C-alpha cells in the first residue's frame, strides 16, 4: 500500500518542518511495516511537501498512526500548517521501469 500525504506549511515554518522531518525520518522509516519513505517538494510552491511511503498493508499504517511516534511528530507538524493536509492510501496497479 502506498500512502501519499500533501502538506502546505506557513512560509515561515518550512525550515521548522524540515527539522522535524530530519529528526524523525529514520524512526518513521524503520517503524514496523514501513518499507519506504520519501519526502517530495513541490517545484512551484515552496510551502508544499508530500510524503510518499510504502506500507506492508493497512494494518501497519494504522498501527503507526496510533503510535506514540506518530502522535509526537504529527502534533509538532500540524502546528505549522497553512492549509488542511490531504492524504491518499493507494494500491499500485502497474509499475514500469
N, C-alpha and C. Protein backbone atom coordinates (compact mmCIF):
# COMPACT_ATOMS: atom_id res chain seq x y z
N UNK A 1 0.84 -1.17 0.00
CA UNK A 1 0.00 0.00 0.00
C UNK A 1 0.89 1.24 0.00
N UNK A 2 0.51 2.21 -0.78
CA UNK A 2 1.26 3.46 -0.86
C UNK A 2 0.43 4.56 -0.23
N UNK A 3 1.08 5.34 0.62
CA UNK A 3 0.42 6.46 1.30
C UNK A 3 1.07 7.75 0.82
N UNK A 4 0.24 8.67 0.38
CA UNK A 4 0.70 9.98 -0.08
C UNK A 4 0.01 11.03 0.78
N UNK A 5 0.80 11.92 1.37
CA UNK A 5 0.25 12.99 2.20
C UNK A 5 0.78 14.32 1.69
N UNK A 6 -0.13 15.22 1.36
CA UNK A 6 0.22 16.57 0.91
C UNK A 6 0.10 17.52 2.09
N UNK A 7 1.15 18.30 2.31
CA UNK A 7 1.17 19.24 3.42
C UNK A 7 1.61 20.61 2.92
N UNK A 8 0.86 21.64 3.29
CA UNK A 8 1.20 23.01 2.94
C UNK A 8 1.50 23.75 4.24
N UNK A 9 2.70 24.30 4.31
CA UNK A 9 3.15 24.97 5.53
C UNK A 9 3.15 26.48 5.38
N UNK A 10 3.06 27.15 6.52
CA UNK A 10 3.29 28.59 6.53
C UNK A 10 4.73 28.79 6.04
N UNK A 11 4.93 29.79 5.23
CA UNK A 11 6.26 30.03 4.66
C UNK A 11 7.32 30.13 5.76
N UNK A 12 6.96 30.78 6.84
CA UNK A 12 7.91 30.97 7.94
C UNK A 12 8.20 29.69 8.72
N UNK A 13 7.43 28.61 8.46
CA UNK A 13 7.57 27.36 9.20
C UNK A 13 8.20 26.22 8.38
N UNK A 14 8.55 26.48 7.14
CA UNK A 14 9.10 25.42 6.28
C UNK A 14 10.36 24.82 6.91
N UNK A 15 11.27 25.64 7.36
CA UNK A 15 12.50 25.12 7.94
C UNK A 15 12.22 24.33 9.22
N UNK A 16 11.26 24.77 10.01
CA UNK A 16 10.89 24.01 11.20
C UNK A 16 10.38 22.63 10.83
N UNK A 17 9.56 22.55 9.77
CA UNK A 17 9.10 21.24 9.32
C UNK A 17 10.28 20.37 8.88
N UNK A 18 11.18 20.94 8.10
CA UNK A 18 12.34 20.16 7.63
C UNK A 18 13.17 19.65 8.80
N UNK A 19 13.27 20.44 9.85
CA UNK A 19 13.99 19.99 11.05
C UNK A 19 13.27 18.82 11.72
N UNK A 20 11.96 18.90 11.81
CA UNK A 20 11.16 17.81 12.39
C UNK A 20 11.32 16.54 11.55
N UNK A 21 11.24 16.69 10.24
CA UNK A 21 11.37 15.53 9.36
C UNK A 21 12.76 14.91 9.50
N UNK A 22 13.77 15.73 9.51
CA UNK A 22 15.15 15.23 9.63
C UNK A 22 15.32 14.44 10.93
N UNK A 23 14.75 14.94 12.00
CA UNK A 23 14.89 14.29 13.31
C UNK A 23 14.09 12.99 13.42
N UNK A 24 13.05 12.84 12.62
CA UNK A 24 12.15 11.68 12.78
C UNK A 24 12.16 10.71 11.61
N UNK A 25 12.77 11.04 10.49
CA UNK A 25 12.65 10.22 9.28
C UNK A 25 13.14 8.79 9.46
N UNK A 26 14.24 8.58 10.17
CA UNK A 26 14.75 7.22 10.36
C UNK A 26 13.83 6.40 11.25
N UNK A 27 13.25 7.04 12.26
CA UNK A 27 12.31 6.34 13.14
C UNK A 27 11.06 5.92 12.37
N UNK A 28 10.57 6.82 11.53
CA UNK A 28 9.38 6.50 10.73
C UNK A 28 9.71 5.38 9.75
N UNK A 29 10.82 5.53 9.04
CA UNK A 29 11.19 4.54 8.03
C UNK A 29 11.39 3.15 8.63
N UNK A 30 11.87 3.10 9.86
CA UNK A 30 12.13 1.81 10.49
C UNK A 30 11.00 1.35 11.40
N UNK A 31 9.87 2.06 11.36
CA UNK A 31 8.69 1.60 12.09
C UNK A 31 8.22 0.31 11.42
N UNK A 32 7.81 -0.65 12.22
CA UNK A 32 7.40 -1.93 11.66
C UNK A 32 6.34 -1.75 10.57
N UNK A 33 6.60 -2.32 9.41
CA UNK A 33 5.67 -2.27 8.29
C UNK A 33 5.96 -1.19 7.27
N UNK A 34 6.80 -0.20 7.63
CA UNK A 34 7.17 0.84 6.67
C UNK A 34 8.32 0.32 5.82
N UNK A 35 8.09 0.23 4.54
CA UNK A 35 9.09 -0.34 3.63
C UNK A 35 9.83 0.71 2.81
N UNK A 36 9.32 1.95 2.81
CA UNK A 36 9.94 3.01 2.01
C UNK A 36 9.37 4.33 2.48
N UNK A 37 10.21 5.37 2.49
CA UNK A 37 9.76 6.71 2.86
C UNK A 37 10.52 7.73 2.04
N UNK A 38 9.79 8.66 1.49
CA UNK A 38 10.39 9.71 0.67
C UNK A 38 9.68 11.03 0.96
N UNK A 39 10.43 12.12 0.96
CA UNK A 39 9.87 13.45 1.08
C UNK A 39 10.04 14.16 -0.25
N UNK A 40 8.94 14.64 -0.79
CA UNK A 40 8.95 15.35 -2.07
C UNK A 40 8.62 16.82 -1.82
N UNK A 41 9.18 17.70 -2.65
CA UNK A 41 8.98 19.13 -2.51
C UNK A 41 8.43 19.68 -3.82
N UNK A 42 7.34 20.39 -3.75
CA UNK A 42 6.72 20.96 -4.94
C UNK A 42 7.65 21.97 -5.61
N UNK A 43 7.72 21.94 -6.92
CA UNK A 43 8.61 22.83 -7.65
C UNK A 43 8.02 24.22 -7.83
N UNK A 44 6.72 24.36 -7.69
CA UNK A 44 6.05 25.64 -7.92
C UNK A 44 5.79 26.41 -6.63
N UNK A 45 5.56 25.69 -5.55
CA UNK A 45 5.20 26.33 -4.28
C UNK A 45 6.12 25.80 -3.18
N UNK A 46 6.99 26.64 -2.71
CA UNK A 46 7.99 26.20 -1.73
C UNK A 46 7.39 25.76 -0.40
N UNK A 47 6.12 26.03 -0.18
CA UNK A 47 5.47 25.66 1.07
C UNK A 47 4.88 24.26 1.05
N UNK A 48 4.85 23.62 -0.13
CA UNK A 48 4.15 22.34 -0.30
C UNK A 48 5.14 21.17 -0.35
N UNK A 49 4.85 20.18 0.48
CA UNK A 49 5.63 18.95 0.56
C UNK A 49 4.68 17.77 0.51
N UNK A 50 5.22 16.64 0.09
CA UNK A 50 4.48 15.38 0.07
C UNK A 50 5.33 14.32 0.74
N UNK A 51 4.72 13.49 1.57
CA UNK A 51 5.40 12.27 1.98
C UNK A 51 4.83 11.15 1.14
N UNK A 52 5.71 10.25 0.75
CA UNK A 52 5.38 9.13 -0.11
C UNK A 52 5.96 7.91 0.58
N UNK A 53 5.09 7.05 1.08
CA UNK A 53 5.58 5.92 1.86
C UNK A 53 4.88 4.63 1.44
N UNK A 54 5.62 3.53 1.57
CA UNK A 54 5.08 2.20 1.28
C UNK A 54 4.90 1.47 2.60
N UNK A 55 3.73 0.86 2.77
CA UNK A 55 3.41 0.10 3.98
C UNK A 55 3.02 -1.32 3.57
N UNK A 56 3.43 -2.28 4.37
CA UNK A 56 3.12 -3.69 4.06
C UNK A 56 1.64 -3.89 3.80
N UNK A 57 0.81 -3.30 4.64
CA UNK A 57 -0.63 -3.27 4.42
C UNK A 57 -1.25 -2.24 5.36
N UNK A 58 -2.54 -2.06 5.26
CA UNK A 58 -3.24 -1.03 6.03
C UNK A 58 -3.06 -1.19 7.53
N UNK A 59 -2.98 -2.41 8.01
CA UNK A 59 -2.86 -2.62 9.46
C UNK A 59 -1.57 -2.02 10.01
N UNK A 60 -0.49 -2.05 9.23
CA UNK A 60 0.77 -1.46 9.68
C UNK A 60 0.68 0.06 9.70
N UNK A 61 0.05 0.64 8.69
CA UNK A 61 -0.15 2.09 8.69
C UNK A 61 -1.03 2.49 9.87
N UNK A 62 -2.08 1.74 10.12
CA UNK A 62 -2.96 2.03 11.26
C UNK A 62 -2.20 1.97 12.57
N UNK A 63 -1.34 0.98 12.73
CA UNK A 63 -0.54 0.85 13.96
C UNK A 63 0.38 2.05 14.11
N UNK A 64 0.99 2.48 13.01
CA UNK A 64 1.85 3.67 13.05
C UNK A 64 1.04 4.90 13.45
N UNK A 65 -0.13 5.05 12.88
CA UNK A 65 -0.95 6.24 13.17
C UNK A 65 -1.47 6.26 14.60
N UNK A 66 -1.45 5.11 15.27
CA UNK A 66 -1.85 5.03 16.68
C UNK A 66 -0.64 5.10 17.63
N UNK A 67 0.55 5.16 17.07
CA UNK A 67 1.77 5.08 17.88
C UNK A 67 2.13 6.41 18.54
N UNK A 68 2.93 6.30 19.56
CA UNK A 68 3.47 7.49 20.25
C UNK A 68 4.32 8.31 19.28
N UNK A 69 5.09 7.63 18.43
CA UNK A 69 5.92 8.33 17.45
C UNK A 69 5.07 9.21 16.55
N UNK A 70 4.01 8.66 15.99
CA UNK A 70 3.15 9.46 15.11
C UNK A 70 2.54 10.63 15.87
N UNK A 71 2.04 10.38 17.07
CA UNK A 71 1.41 11.45 17.85
C UNK A 71 2.38 12.59 18.10
N UNK A 72 3.62 12.25 18.42
CA UNK A 72 4.64 13.28 18.67
C UNK A 72 4.96 14.07 17.41
N UNK A 73 5.23 13.36 16.32
CA UNK A 73 5.60 14.02 15.06
C UNK A 73 4.42 14.83 14.51
N UNK A 74 3.24 14.25 14.52
CA UNK A 74 2.08 14.92 13.93
C UNK A 74 1.68 16.15 14.75
N UNK A 75 1.78 16.07 16.07
CA UNK A 75 1.45 17.23 16.91
C UNK A 75 2.36 18.41 16.57
N UNK A 76 3.65 18.13 16.42
CA UNK A 76 4.60 19.19 16.06
C UNK A 76 4.33 19.71 14.65
N UNK A 77 4.07 18.80 13.73
CA UNK A 77 3.92 19.17 12.32
C UNK A 77 2.64 19.95 12.06
N UNK A 78 1.53 19.50 12.60
CA UNK A 78 0.26 20.15 12.27
C UNK A 78 0.18 21.59 12.76
N UNK A 79 0.99 21.95 13.75
CA UNK A 79 1.01 23.33 14.22
C UNK A 79 1.61 24.29 13.18
N UNK A 80 2.28 23.74 12.17
CA UNK A 80 2.97 24.54 11.17
C UNK A 80 2.19 24.73 9.88
N UNK A 81 1.03 24.07 9.76
CA UNK A 81 0.27 24.07 8.51
C UNK A 81 -0.33 25.43 8.18
N UNK A 82 -0.40 25.67 6.86
CA UNK A 82 -1.09 26.84 6.34
C UNK A 82 -2.38 26.44 5.65
N UNK A 83 -2.57 25.13 5.46
CA UNK A 83 -3.78 24.58 4.83
C UNK A 83 -3.99 23.18 5.39
N UNK A 84 -5.21 22.71 5.29
CA UNK A 84 -5.54 21.38 5.76
C UNK A 84 -4.76 20.35 4.93
N UNK A 85 -4.11 19.38 5.59
CA UNK A 85 -3.38 18.36 4.83
C UNK A 85 -4.36 17.45 4.08
N UNK A 86 -3.86 16.85 3.02
CA UNK A 86 -4.64 15.88 2.25
C UNK A 86 -3.87 14.57 2.23
N UNK A 87 -4.58 13.45 2.29
CA UNK A 87 -3.90 12.15 2.31
C UNK A 87 -4.67 11.15 1.46
N UNK A 88 -3.89 10.27 0.82
CA UNK A 88 -4.46 9.21 -0.01
C UNK A 88 -3.76 7.91 0.32
N UNK A 89 -4.52 6.84 0.45
CA UNK A 89 -3.97 5.49 0.54
C UNK A 89 -4.27 4.82 -0.80
N UNK A 90 -3.24 4.32 -1.45
CA UNK A 90 -3.40 3.80 -2.80
C UNK A 90 -2.80 2.40 -2.93
N UNK A 91 -3.22 1.70 -3.94
CA UNK A 91 -2.64 0.42 -4.31
C UNK A 91 -2.00 0.57 -5.67
N UNK A 92 -0.84 0.00 -5.85
CA UNK A 92 -0.16 0.05 -7.13
C UNK A 92 -0.88 -0.87 -8.11
N UNK A 93 -1.19 -0.37 -9.28
CA UNK A 93 -1.82 -1.18 -10.33
C UNK A 93 -0.81 -1.65 -11.35
N UNK A 94 0.14 -0.78 -11.69
CA UNK A 94 1.17 -1.14 -12.67
C UNK A 94 2.47 -0.45 -12.27
N UNK A 95 3.56 -1.08 -12.56
CA UNK A 95 4.86 -0.47 -12.35
C UNK A 95 5.72 -0.76 -13.57
N UNK A 96 6.24 0.30 -14.17
CA UNK A 96 7.09 0.18 -15.34
C UNK A 96 8.46 0.75 -14.99
N UNK A 97 9.50 0.02 -15.29
CA UNK A 97 10.84 0.52 -15.02
C UNK A 97 11.66 0.52 -16.28
